[in-house]
Amino acid sequence: MSKKVMLIDDDQEFLAILTERLEIRGFEVAPFASAKKALERLPQSTFDVIILDLQMPEMDGLQTLERLSEMAADLPILLLTAHATVAKGVRAMKLGAADVLEKPV
């Protein structure tokens, strides 16, 4: 049985490439270009992991992480960012992120 990944990133090109690469490796991927749409979908689906971009319009990754942690506290959440700072990494871990990874991955 393949693992289900929720992938959230506002960069359409990156979203498509990472989705393709994960699917090639046997993952089932649900890509979302909007954190709000992903949050709406979460209660209706089961995922094994969430991969989340840090810098997004409307709702950034840290705000999204906070909401996701409330909705699915036991679900591992990985943050991806091209704009990593120690402060953001520490805050993300305190909010429940399993790890913070720097783009490109």
PDB file of N, CA and C in Angstrom:
ATOM      1  N   MET A   1       0.845  -1.179   0.000  1.00  0.00           N
ATOM      2  CA  MET A   1       0.000   0.000   0.000  1.00  0.00           C
ATOM      3  C   MET A   1       0.891   1.244   0.000  1.00  0.00           C
ATOM      4  N   SER A   2       0.624   2.168  -0.911  1.00  0.00           N
ATOM      5  CA  SER A   2       1.464   3.364  -0.994  1.00  0.00           C
ATOM      6  C   SER A   2       1.105   4.367   0.097  1.00  0.00           C
ATOM      7  N   LYS A   3       2.090   5.133   0.473  1.00  0.00           N
ATOM      8  CA  LYS A   3       1.900   6.188   1.468  1.00  0.00           C
ATOM      9  C   LYS A   3       1.265   7.390   0.795  1.00  0.00           C
ATOM     10  N   LYS A   4       0.345   8.058   1.515  1.00  0.00           N
ATOM     11  CA  LYS A   4      -0.342   9.226   0.978  1.00  0.00           C
ATOM     12  C   LYS A   4       0.307  10.498   1.498  1.00  0.00           C
ATOM     13  N   VAL A   5       0.642  11.386   0.565  1.00  0.00           N
ATOM     14  CA  VAL A   5       1.317  12.634   0.882  1.00  0.00           C
ATOM     15  C   VAL A   5       0.434  13.809   0.489  1.00  0.00           C
ATOM     16  N   MET A   6       0.219  14.723   1.428  1.00  0.00           N
ATOM     17  CA  MET A   6      -0.408  16.001   1.106  1.00  0.00           C
ATOM     18  C   MET A   6       0.737  16.974   0.858  1.00  0.00           C
ATOM     19  N   LEU A   7       0.755  17.570  -0.328  1.00  0.00           N
ATOM     20  CA  LEU A   7       1.822  18.480  -0.719  1.00  0.00           C
ATOM     21  C   LEU A   7       1.224  19.865  -0.931  1.00  0.00           C
ATOM     22  N   ILE A   8       1.735  20.858  -0.191  1.00  0.00           N
ATOM     23  CA  ILE A   8       1.193  22.217  -0.262  1.00  0.00           C
ATOM     24  C   ILE A   8       2.312  23.181  -0.629  1.00  0.00           C
ATOM     25  N   ASP A   9       2.169  23.810  -1.805  1.00  0.00           N
ATOM     26  CA  ASP A   9       3.165  24.788  -2.256  1.00  0.00           C
ATOM     27  C   ASP A   9       2.507  25.689  -3.294  1.00  0.00           C
ATOM     28  N   ASP A  10       2.681  26.983  -3.188  1.00  0.00           N
ATOM     29  CA  ASP A  10       2.054  27.913  -4.121  1.00  0.00           C
ATOM     30  C   ASP A  10       2.781  28.002  -5.457  1.00  0.00           C
ATOM     31  N   ASP A  11       3.994  27.501  -5.549  1.00  0.00           N
ATOM     32  CA  ASP A  11       4.764  27.516  -6.791  1.00  0.00           C
ATOM     33  C   ASP A  11       4.304  26.331  -7.648  1.00  0.00           C
ATOM     34  N   GLN A  12       3.512  26.627  -8.674  1.00  0.00           N
ATOM     35  CA  GLN A  12       2.898  25.577  -9.489  1.00  0.00           C
ATOM     36  C   GLN A  12       3.933  24.652 -10.136  1.00  0.00           C
ATOM     37  N   GLU A  13       5.026  25.224 -10.620  1.00  0.00           N
ATOM     38  CA  GLU A  13       6.055  24.412 -11.275  1.00  0.00           C
ATOM     39  C   GLU A  13       6.720  23.463 -10.274  1.00  0.00           C
ATOM     40  N   PHE A  14       7.089  23.982  -9.101  1.00  0.00           N
ATOM     41  CA  PHE A  14       7.704  23.147  -8.071  1.00  0.00           C
ATOM     42  C   PHE A  14       6.722  22.067  -7.618  1.00  0.00           C
ATOM     43  N   LEU A  15       5.463  22.442  -7.452  1.00  0.00           N
ATOM     44  CA  LEU A  15       4.426  21.508  -7.032  1.00  0.00           C
ATOM     45  C   LEU A  15       4.309  20.349  -8.026  1.00  0.00           C
ATOM     46  N   ALA A  16       4.308  20.662  -9.299  1.00  0.00           N
ATOM     47  CA  ALA A  16       4.203  19.629 -10.337  1.00  0.00           C
ATOM     48  C   ALA A  16       5.426  18.721 -10.353  1.00  0.00           C
ATOM     49  N   ILE A  17       6.602  19.311 -10.241  1.00  0.00           N
ATOM     50  CA  ILE A  17       7.842  18.516 -10.280  1.00  0.00           C
ATOM     51  C   ILE A  17       7.943  17.600  -9.063  1.00  0.00           C
ATOM     52  N   LEU A  18       7.689  18.139  -7.871  1.00  0.00           N
ATOM     53  CA  LEU A  18       7.801  17.316  -6.665  1.00  0.00           C
ATOM     54  C   LEU A  18       6.715  16.239  -6.645  1.00  0.00           C
ATOM     55  N   THR A  19       5.531  16.571  -7.116  1.00  0.00           N
ATOM     56  CA  THR A  19       4.463  15.571  -7.207  1.00  0.00           C
ATOM     57  C   THR A  19       4.911  14.418  -8.099  1.00  0.00           C
ATOM     58  N   GLU A  20       5.437  14.747  -9.269  1.00  0.00           N
ATOM     59  CA  GLU A  20       5.897  13.717 -10.208  1.00  0.00           C
ATOM     60  C   GLU A  20       7.005  12.854  -9.590  1.00  0.00           C
ATOM     61  N   ARG A  21       7.964  13.492  -8.940  1.00  0.00           N
ATOM     62  CA  ARG A  21       9.079  12.738  -8.353  1.00  0.00           C
ATOM     63  C   ARG A  21       8.618  11.823  -7.224  1.00  0.00           C
ATOM     64  N   LEU A  22       7.675  12.274  -6.429  1.00  0.00           N
ATOM     65  CA  LEU A  22       7.157  11.431  -5.346  1.00  0.00           C
ATOM     66  C   LEU A  22       6.340  10.266  -5.909  1.00  0.00           C
ATOM     67  N   GLU A  23       5.542  10.539  -6.945  1.00  0.00           N
ATOM     68  CA  GLU A  23       4.740   9.472  -7.549  1.00  0.00           C
ATOM     69  C   GLU A  23       5.622   8.409  -8.200  1.00  0.00           C
ATOM     70  N   ILE A  24       6.719   8.828  -8.820  1.00  0.00           N
ATOM     71  CA  ILE A  24       7.662   7.873  -9.409  1.00  0.00           C
ATOM     72  C   ILE A  24       8.206   6.934  -8.337  1.00  0.00           C
ATOM     73  N   ARG A  25       8.341   7.439  -7.130  1.00  0.00           N
ATOM     74  CA  ARG A  25       8.863   6.638  -6.015  1.00  0.00           C
ATOM     75  C   ARG A  25       7.770   5.869  -5.271  1.00  0.00           C
ATOM     76  N   GLY A  26       6.554   5.882  -5.818  1.00  0.00           N
ATOM     77  CA  GLY A  26       5.489   5.048  -5.267  1.00  0.00           C
ATOM     78  C   GLY A  26       4.559   5.722  -4.283  1.00  0.00           C
ATOM     79  N   PHE A  27       4.689   7.022  -4.083  1.00  0.00           N
ATOM     80  CA  PHE A  27       3.793   7.727  -3.176  1.00  0.00           C
ATOM     81  C   PHE A  27       2.522   8.152  -3.907  1.00  0.00           C
ATOM     82  N   GLU A  28       1.433   8.196  -3.184  1.00  0.00           N
ATOM     83  CA  GLU A  28       0.192   8.765  -3.689  1.00  0.00           C
ATOM     84  C   GLU A  28       0.169  10.216  -3.210  1.00  0.00           C
ATOM     85  N   VAL A  29       0.104  11.171  -4.138  1.00  0.00           N
ATOM     86  CA  VAL A  29       0.263  12.587  -3.794  1.00  0.00           C
ATOM     87  C   VAL A  29      -1.010  13.372  -4.082  1.00  0.00           C
ATOM     88  N   ALA A  30      -1.399  14.185  -3.109  1.00  0.00           N
ATOM     89  CA  ALA A  30      -2.502  15.133  -3.283  1.00  0.00           C
ATOM     90  C   ALA A  30      -1.882  16.526  -3.235  1.00  0.00           C
ATOM     91  N   PRO A  31      -1.664  17.146  -4.416  1.00  0.00           N
ATOM     92  CA  PRO A  31      -1.033  18.468  -4.442  1.00  0.00           C
ATOM     93  C   PRO A  31      -2.049  19.594  -4.269  1.00  0.00           C
ATOM     94  N   PHE A  32      -1.642  20.618  -3.526  1.00  0.00           N
ATOM     95  CA  PHE A  32      -2.473  21.792  -3.305  1.00  0.00           C
ATOM     96  C   PHE A  32      -1.632  23.043  -3.486  1.00  0.00           C
ATOM     97  N   ALA A  33      -2.135  23.997  -4.263  1.00  0.00           N
ATOM     98  CA  ALA A  33      -1.449  25.266  -4.475  1.00  0.00           C
ATOM     99  C   ALA A  33      -1.889  26.303  -3.452  1.00  0.00           C
ATOM    100  N   SER A  34      -2.811  25.936  -2.588  1.00  0.00           N
ATOM    101  CA  SER A  34      -3.355  26.852  -1.586  1.00  0.00           C
ATOM    102  C   SER A  34      -3.476  26.141  -0.246  1.00  0.00           C
ATOM    103  N   ALA A  35      -2.986  26.775   0.797  1.00  0.00           N
ATOM    104  CA  ALA A  35      -3.106  26.199   2.141  1.00  0.00           C
ATOM    105  C   ALA A  35      -4.567  26.088   2.553  1.00  0.00           C
ATOM    106  N   LYS A  36      -5.369  27.069   2.189  1.00  0.00           N
ATOM    107  CA  LYS A  36      -6.789  27.046   2.559  1.00  0.00           C
ATOM    108  C   LYS A  36      -7.508  25.848   1.951  1.00  0.00           C
ATOM    109  N   LYS A  37      -7.213  25.543   0.688  1.00  0.00           N
ATOM    110  CA  LYS A  37      -7.845  24.382   0.047  1.00  0.00           C
ATOM    111  C   LYS A  37      -7.376  23.077   0.698  1.00  0.00           C
ATOM    112  N   ALA A  38      -6.108  23.019   1.066  1.00  0.00           N
ATOM    113  CA  ALA A  38      -5.576  21.831   1.738  1.00  0.00           C
ATOM    114  C   ALA A  38      -6.250  21.625   3.093  1.00  0.00           C
ATOM    115  N   LEU A  39      -6.428  22.715   3.838  1.00  0.00           N
ATOM    116  CA  LEU A  39      -7.082  22.623   5.139  1.00  0.00           C
ATOM    117  C   LEU A  39      -8.529  22.168   5.007  1.00  0.00           C
ATOM    118  N   GLU A  40      -9.198  22.586   3.948  1.00  0.00           N
ATOM    119  CA  GLU A  40     -10.572  22.152   3.712  1.00  0.00           C
ATOM    120  C   GLU A  40     -10.629  20.652   3.409  1.00  0.00           C
ATOM    121  N   ARG A  41      -9.628  20.144   2.739  1.00  0.00           N
ATOM    122  CA  ARG A  41      -9.600  18.736   2.315  1.00  0.00           C
ATOM    123  C   ARG A  41      -9.177  17.780   3.427  1.00  0.00           C
ATOM    124  N   LEU A  42      -8.349  18.252   4.353  1.00  0.00           N
ATOM    125  CA  LEU A  42      -7.770  17.374   5.372  1.00  0.00           C
ATOM    126  C   LEU A  42      -8.810  16.536   6.123  1.00  0.00           C
ATOM    127  N   PRO A  43      -9.912  17.106   6.587  1.00  0.00           N
ATOM    128  CA  PRO A  43     -10.865  16.274   7.341  1.00  0.00           C
ATOM    129  C   PRO A  43     -11.512  15.161   6.523  1.00  0.00           C
ATOM    130  N   GLN A  44     -11.487  15.277   5.204  1.00  0.00           N
ATOM    131  CA  GLN A  44     -12.143  14.293   4.344  1.00  0.00           C
ATOM    132  C   GLN A  44     -11.206  13.194   3.864  1.00  0.00           C
ATOM    133  N   SER A  45      -9.928  13.297   4.181  1.00  0.00           N
ATOM    134  CA  SER A  45      -8.945  12.353   3.656  1.00  0.00           C
ATOM    135  C   SER A  45      -7.997  11.884   4.750  1.00  0.00           C
ATOM    136  N   THR A  46      -7.268  10.825   4.431  1.00  0.00           N
ATOM    137  CA  THR A  46      -6.253  10.304   5.339  1.00  0.00           C
ATOM    138  C   THR A  46      -4.896  10.440   4.657  1.00  0.00           C
ATOM    139  N   PHE A  47      -3.944  11.019   5.369  1.00  0.00           N
ATOM    140  CA  PHE A  47      -2.594  11.190   4.836  1.00  0.00           C
ATOM    141  C   PHE A  47      -1.591  10.617   5.827  1.00  0.00           C
ATOM    142  N   ASP A  48      -0.430  10.225   5.303  1.00  0.00           N
ATOM    143  CA  ASP A  48       0.647   9.712   6.146  1.00  0.00           C
ATOM    144  C   ASP A  48       1.652  10.800   6.503  1.00  0.00           C
ATOM    145  N   VAL A  49       1.722  11.833   5.672  1.00  0.00           N
ATOM    146  CA  VAL A  49       2.656  12.935   5.905  1.00  0.00           C
ATOM    147  C   VAL A  49       2.168  14.162   5.128  1.00  0.00           C
ATOM    148  N   ILE A  50       2.535  15.331   5.623  1.00  0.00           N
ATOM    149  CA  ILE A  50       2.251  16.579   4.922  1.00  0.00           C
ATOM    150  C   ILE A  50       3.577  17.274   4.662  1.00  0.00           C
ATOM    151  N   ILE A  51       3.758  17.714   3.420  1.00  0.00           N
ATOM    152  CA  ILE A  51       4.929  18.506   3.043  1.00  0.00           C
ATOM    153  C   ILE A  51       4.404  19.888   2.702  1.00  0.00           C
ATOM    154  N   LEU A  52       4.934  20.896   3.377  1.00  0.00           N
ATOM    155  CA  LEU A  52       4.353  22.233   3.368  1.00  0.00           C
ATOM    156  C   LEU A  52       5.408  23.288   3.084  1.00  0.00           C
ATOM    157  N   ASP A  53       5.121  24.183   2.146  1.00  0.00           N
ATOM    158  CA  ASP A  53       6.007  25.308   1.858  1.00  0.00           C
ATOM    159  C   ASP A  53       5.869  26.343   2.982  1.00  0.00           C
ATOM    160  N   LEU A  54       6.944  27.029   3.273  1.00  0.00           N
ATOM    161  CA  LEU A  54       6.925  28.024   4.341  1.00  0.00           C
ATOM    162  C   LEU A  54       6.382  29.368   3.871  1.00  0.00           C
ATOM    163  N   GLN A  55       6.829  29.832   2.727  1.00  0.00           N
ATOM    164  CA  GLN A  55       6.454  31.164   2.271  1.00  0.00           C
ATOM    165  C   GLN A  55       5.384  31.067   1.184  1.00  0.00           C
ATOM    166  N   MET A  56       4.142  31.413   1.576  1.00  0.00           N
ATOM    167  CA  MET A  56       3.019  31.375   0.650  1.00  0.00           C
ATOM    168  C   MET A  56       2.131  32.597   0.892  1.00  0.00           C
ATOM    169  N   PRO A  57       1.397  33.024  -0.145  1.00  0.00           N
ATOM    170  CA  PRO A  57       0.450  34.120   0.049  1.00  0.00           C
ATOM    171  C   PRO A  57      -0.771  33.641   0.835  1.00  0.00           C
ATOM    172  N   GLU A  58      -1.598  34.521   1.243  1.00  0.00           N
ATOM    173  CA  GLU A  58      -2.826  34.260   1.996  1.00  0.00           C
ATOM    174  C   GLU A  58      -2.537  33.722   3.394  1.00  0.00           C
ATOM    175  N   MET A  59      -1.959  32.548   3.473  1.00  0.00           N
ATOM    176  CA  MET A  59      -1.659  31.911   4.755  1.00  0.00           C
ATOM    177  C   MET A  59      -0.273  31.287   4.633  1.00  0.00           C
ATOM    178  N   ASP A  60       0.688  31.761   5.420  1.00  0.00           N
ATOM    179  CA  ASP A  60       2.052  31.231   5.282  1.00  0.00           C
ATOM    180  C   ASP A  60       2.165  29.857   5.938  1.00  0.00           C
ATOM    181  N   GLY A  61       3.318  29.246   5.759  1.00  0.00           N
ATOM    182  CA  GLY A  61       3.531  27.890   6.255  1.00  0.00           C
ATOM    183  C   GLY A  61       3.415  27.744   7.759  1.00  0.00           C
ATOM    184  N   LEU A  62       3.869  28.748   8.500  1.00  0.00           N
ATOM    185  CA  LEU A  62       3.779  28.657   9.959  1.00  0.00           C
ATOM    186  C   LEU A  62       2.332  28.745  10.428  1.00  0.00           C
ATOM    187  N   GLN A  63       1.548  29.624   9.813  1.00  0.00           N
ATOM    188  CA  GLN A  63       0.119  29.712  10.148  1.00  0.00           C
ATOM    189  C   GLN A  63      -0.586  28.403   9.781  1.00  0.00           C
ATOM    190  N   THR A  64      -0.236  27.871   8.625  1.00  0.00           N
ATOM    191  CA  THR A  64      -0.828  26.612   8.174  1.00  0.00           C
ATOM    192  C   THR A  64      -0.420  25.471   9.102  1.00  0.00           C
ATOM    193  N   LEU A  65       0.853  25.444   9.480  1.00  0.00           N
ATOM    194  CA  LEU A  65       1.356  24.418  10.398  1.00  0.00           C
ATOM    195  C   LEU A  65       0.584  24.441  11.717  1.00  0.00           C
ATOM    196  N   GLU A  66       0.331  25.620  12.214  1.00  0.00           N
ATOM    197  CA  GLU A  66      -0.415  25.750  13.470  1.00  0.00           C
ATOM    198  C   GLU A  66      -1.812  25.144  13.330  1.00  0.00           C
ATOM    199  N   ARG A  67      -2.490  25.448  12.246  1.00  0.00           N
ATOM    200  CA  ARG A  67      -3.833  24.898  12.005  1.00  0.00           C
ATOM    201  C   ARG A  67      -3.784  23.388  11.797  1.00  0.00           C
ATOM    202  N   LEU A  68      -2.809  22.925  11.007  1.00  0.00           N
ATOM    203  CA  LEU A  68      -2.681  21.489  10.756  1.00  0.00           C
ATOM    204  C   LEU A  68      -2.405  20.727  12.041  1.00  0.00           C
ATOM    205  N   SER A  69      -1.570  21.287  12.904  1.00  0.00           N
ATOM    206  CA  SER A  69      -1.237  20.636  14.174  1.00  0.00           C
ATOM    207  C   SER A  69      -2.467  20.495  15.061  1.00  0.00           C
ATOM    208  N   GLU A  70      -3.365  21.461  14.985  1.00  0.00           N
ATOM    209  CA  GLU A  70      -4.613  21.385  15.757  1.00  0.00           C
ATOM    210  C   GLU A  70      -5.541  20.320  15.185  1.00  0.00           C
ATOM    211  N   MET A  71      -5.544  20.195  13.864  1.00  0.00           N
ATOM    212  CA  MET A  71      -6.462  19.276  13.187  1.00  0.00           C
ATOM    213  C   MET A  71      -5.974  17.827  13.188  1.00  0.00           C
ATOM    214  N   ALA A  72      -4.651  17.639  13.130  1.00  0.00           N
ATOM    215  CA  ALA A  72      -4.075  16.290  13.030  1.00  0.00           C
ATOM    216  C   ALA A  72      -2.749  16.269  13.777  1.00  0.00           C
ATOM    217  N   ALA A  73      -2.814  16.278  15.086  1.00  0.00           N
ATOM    218  CA  ALA A  73      -1.629  16.422  15.940  1.00  0.00           C
ATOM    219  C   ALA A  73      -0.599  15.312  15.740  1.00  0.00           C
ATOM    220  N   ASP A  74      -1.018  14.113  15.371  1.00  0.00           N
ATOM    221  CA  ASP A  74      -0.087  12.997  15.246  1.00  0.00           C
ATOM    222  C   ASP A  74       0.488  12.832  13.840  1.00  0.00           C
ATOM    223  N   LEU A  75       0.114  13.684  12.909  1.00  0.00           N
ATOM    224  CA  LEU A  75       0.554  13.587  11.521  1.00  0.00           C
ATOM    225  C   LEU A  75       1.891  14.300  11.333  1.00  0.00           C
ATOM    226  N   PRO A  76       2.923  13.609  10.801  1.00  0.00           N
ATOM    227  CA  PRO A  76       4.209  14.269  10.578  1.00  0.00           C
ATOM    228  C   PRO A  76       4.081  15.349   9.498  1.00  0.00           C
ATOM    229  N   ILE A  77       4.645  16.515   9.792  1.00  0.00           N
ATOM    230  CA  ILE A  77       4.605  17.644   8.868  1.00  0.00           C
ATOM    231  C   ILE A  77       6.032  18.119   8.622  1.00  0.00           C
ATOM    232  N   LEU A  78       6.421  18.149   7.344  1.00  0.00           N
ATOM    233  CA  LEU A  78       7.739  18.632   6.947  1.00  0.00           C
ATOM    234  C   LEU A  78       7.571  19.988   6.283  1.00  0.00           C
ATOM    235  N   LEU A  79       8.374  20.958   6.683  1.00  0.00           N
ATOM    236  CA  LEU A  79       8.351  22.262   6.047  1.00  0.00           C
ATOM    237  C   LEU A  79       9.485  22.371   5.054  1.00  0.00           C
ATOM    238  N   LEU A  80       9.168  22.902   3.882  1.00  0.00           N
ATOM    239  CA  LEU A  80      10.165  23.179   2.853  1.00  0.00           C
ATOM    240  C   LEU A  80      10.271  24.688   2.708  1.00  0.00           C
ATOM    241  N   THR A  81      11.488  25.188   2.569  1.00  0.00           N
ATOM    242  CA  THR A  81      11.635  26.624   2.382  1.00  0.00           C
ATOM    243  C   THR A  81      12.916  26.956   1.642  1.00  0.00           C
ATOM    244  N   ALA A  82      12.828  28.000   0.858  1.00  0.00           N
ATOM    245  CA  ALA A  82      14.014  28.573   0.225  1.00  0.00           C
ATOM    246  C   ALA A  82      14.513  29.743   1.064  1.00  0.00           C
ATOM    247  N   HIS A  83      13.794  30.043   2.132  1.00  0.00           N
ATOM    248  CA  HIS A  83      14.091  31.201   2.979  1.00  0.00           C
ATOM    249  C   HIS A  83      14.250  30.775   4.434  1.00  0.00           C
ATOM    250  N   ALA A  84      15.141  29.843   4.677  1.00  0.00           N
ATOM    251  CA  ALA A  84      15.316  29.304   6.026  1.00  0.00           C
ATOM    252  C   ALA A  84      16.074  30.277   6.926  1.00  0.00           C
ATOM    253  N   THR A  85      15.601  30.368   8.143  1.00  0.00           N
ATOM    254  CA  THR A  85      16.330  31.066   9.197  1.00  0.00           C
ATOM    255  C   THR A  85      16.249  30.185  10.436  1.00  0.00           C
ATOM    256  N   VAL A  86      17.173  30.370  11.333  1.00  0.00           N
ATOM    257  CA  VAL A  86      17.158  29.590  12.569  1.00  0.00           C
ATOM    258  C   VAL A  86      15.882  29.881  13.345  1.00  0.00           C
ATOM    259  N   ALA A  87      15.493  31.153  13.407  1.00  0.00           N
ATOM    260  CA  ALA A  87      14.294  31.539  14.157  1.00  0.00           C
ATOM    261  C   ALA A  87      13.040  30.861  13.595  1.00  0.00           C
ATOM    262  N   LYS A  88      12.906  30.850  12.271  1.00  0.00           N
ATOM    263  CA  LYS A  88      11.739  30.200  11.657  1.00  0.00           C
ATOM    264  C   LYS A  88      11.779  28.694  11.890  1.00  0.00           C
ATOM    265  N   GLY A  89      12.957  28.104  11.810  1.00  0.00           N
ATOM    266  CA  GLY A  89      13.091  26.674  12.058  1.00  0.00           C
ATOM    267  C   GLY A  89      12.710  26.297  13.472  1.00  0.00           C
ATOM    268  N   VAL A  90      13.167  27.075  14.426  1.00  0.00           N
ATOM    269  CA  VAL A  90      12.837  26.824  15.839  1.00  0.00           C
ATOM    270  C   VAL A  90      11.335  26.975  16.056  1.00  0.00           C
ATOM    271  N   ARG A  91      10.761  28.036  15.494  1.00  0.00           N
ATOM    272  CA  ARG A  91       9.315  28.258  15.654  1.00  0.00           C
ATOM    273  C   ARG A  91       8.526  27.104  15.032  1.00  0.00           C
ATOM    274  N   ALA A  92       8.953  26.666  13.853  1.00  0.00           N
ATOM    275  CA  ALA A  92       8.272  25.557  13.190  1.00  0.00           C
ATOM    276  C   ALA A  92       8.319  24.290  14.037  1.00  0.00           C
ATOM    277  N   MET A  93       9.465  24.006  14.611  1.00  0.00           N
ATOM    278  CA  MET A  93       9.594  22.805  15.451  1.00  0.00           C
ATOM    279  C   MET A  93       8.717  22.928  16.701  1.00  0.00           C
ATOM    280  N   LYS A  94       8.650  24.121  17.277  1.00  0.00           N
ATOM    281  CA  LYS A  94       7.788  24.327  18.452  1.00  0.00           C
ATOM    282  C   LYS A  94       6.318  24.162  18.102  1.00  0.00           C
ATOM    283  N   LEU A  95       5.961  24.484  16.855  1.00  0.00           N
ATOM    284  CA  LEU A  95       4.571  24.337  16.409  1.00  0.00           C
ATOM    285  C   LEU A  95       4.250  22.903  15.995  1.00  0.00           C
ATOM    286  N   GLY A  96       5.261  22.034  15.990  1.00  0.00           N
ATOM    287  CA  GLY A  96       4.986  20.631  15.720  1.00  0.00           C
ATOM    288  C   GLY A  96       5.572  20.059  14.442  1.00  0.00           C
ATOM    289  N   ALA A  97       6.367  20.825  13.714  1.00  0.00           N
ATOM    290  CA  ALA A  97       6.989  20.301  12.493  1.00  0.00           C
ATOM    291  C   ALA A  97       7.949  19.164  12.840  1.00  0.00           C
ATOM    292  N   ALA A  98       7.938  18.125  12.030  1.00  0.00           N
ATOM    293  CA  ALA A  98       8.871  17.023  12.228  1.00  0.00           C
ATOM    294  C   ALA A  98      10.273  17.427  11.779  1.00  0.00           C
ATOM    295  N   ASP A  99      10.351  18.293  10.755  1.00  0.00           N
ATOM    296  CA  ASP A  99      11.637  18.768  10.251  1.00  0.00           C
ATOM    297  C   ASP A  99      11.413  19.962   9.346  1.00  0.00           C
ATOM    298  N   VAL A 100      12.481  20.729   9.129  1.00  0.00           N
ATOM    299  CA  VAL A 100      12.459  21.855   8.201  1.00  0.00           C
ATOM    300  C   VAL A 100      13.578  21.605   7.201  1.00  0.00           C
ATOM    301  N   LEU A 101      13.220  21.540   5.924  1.00  0.00           N
ATOM    302  CA  LEU A 101      14.176  21.253   4.864  1.00  0.00           C
ATOM    303  C   LEU A 101      14.305  22.451   3.942  1.00  0.00           C
ATOM    304  N   GLU A 102      15.517  22.671   3.456  1.00  0.00           N
ATOM    305  CA  GLU A 102      15.764  23.806   2.581  1.00  0.00           C
ATOM    306  C   GLU A 102      15.634  23.399   1.119  1.00  0.00           C
ATOM    307  N   LYS A 103      14.939  24.244   0.347  1.00  0.00           N
ATOM    308  CA  LYS A 103      14.833  24.036  -1.102  1.00  0.00           C
ATOM    309  C   LYS A 103      16.149  24.475  -1.719  1.00  0.00           C
ATOM    310  N   PRO A 104      16.586  23.869  -2.795  1.00  0.00           N
ATOM    311  CA  PRO A 104      15.950  22.734  -3.462  1.00  0.00           C
ATOM    312  C   PRO A 104      16.232  21.431  -2.724  1.00  0.00           C
ATOM    313  N   VAL A 105      15.279  20.547  -2.774  1.00  0.00           N
ATOM    314  CA  VAL A 105      15.441  19.235  -2.141  1.00  0.00           C
ATOM    315  C   VAL A 105      15.635  18.178  -3.200  1.00  0.00           C
TER     316      VAL A 105
END
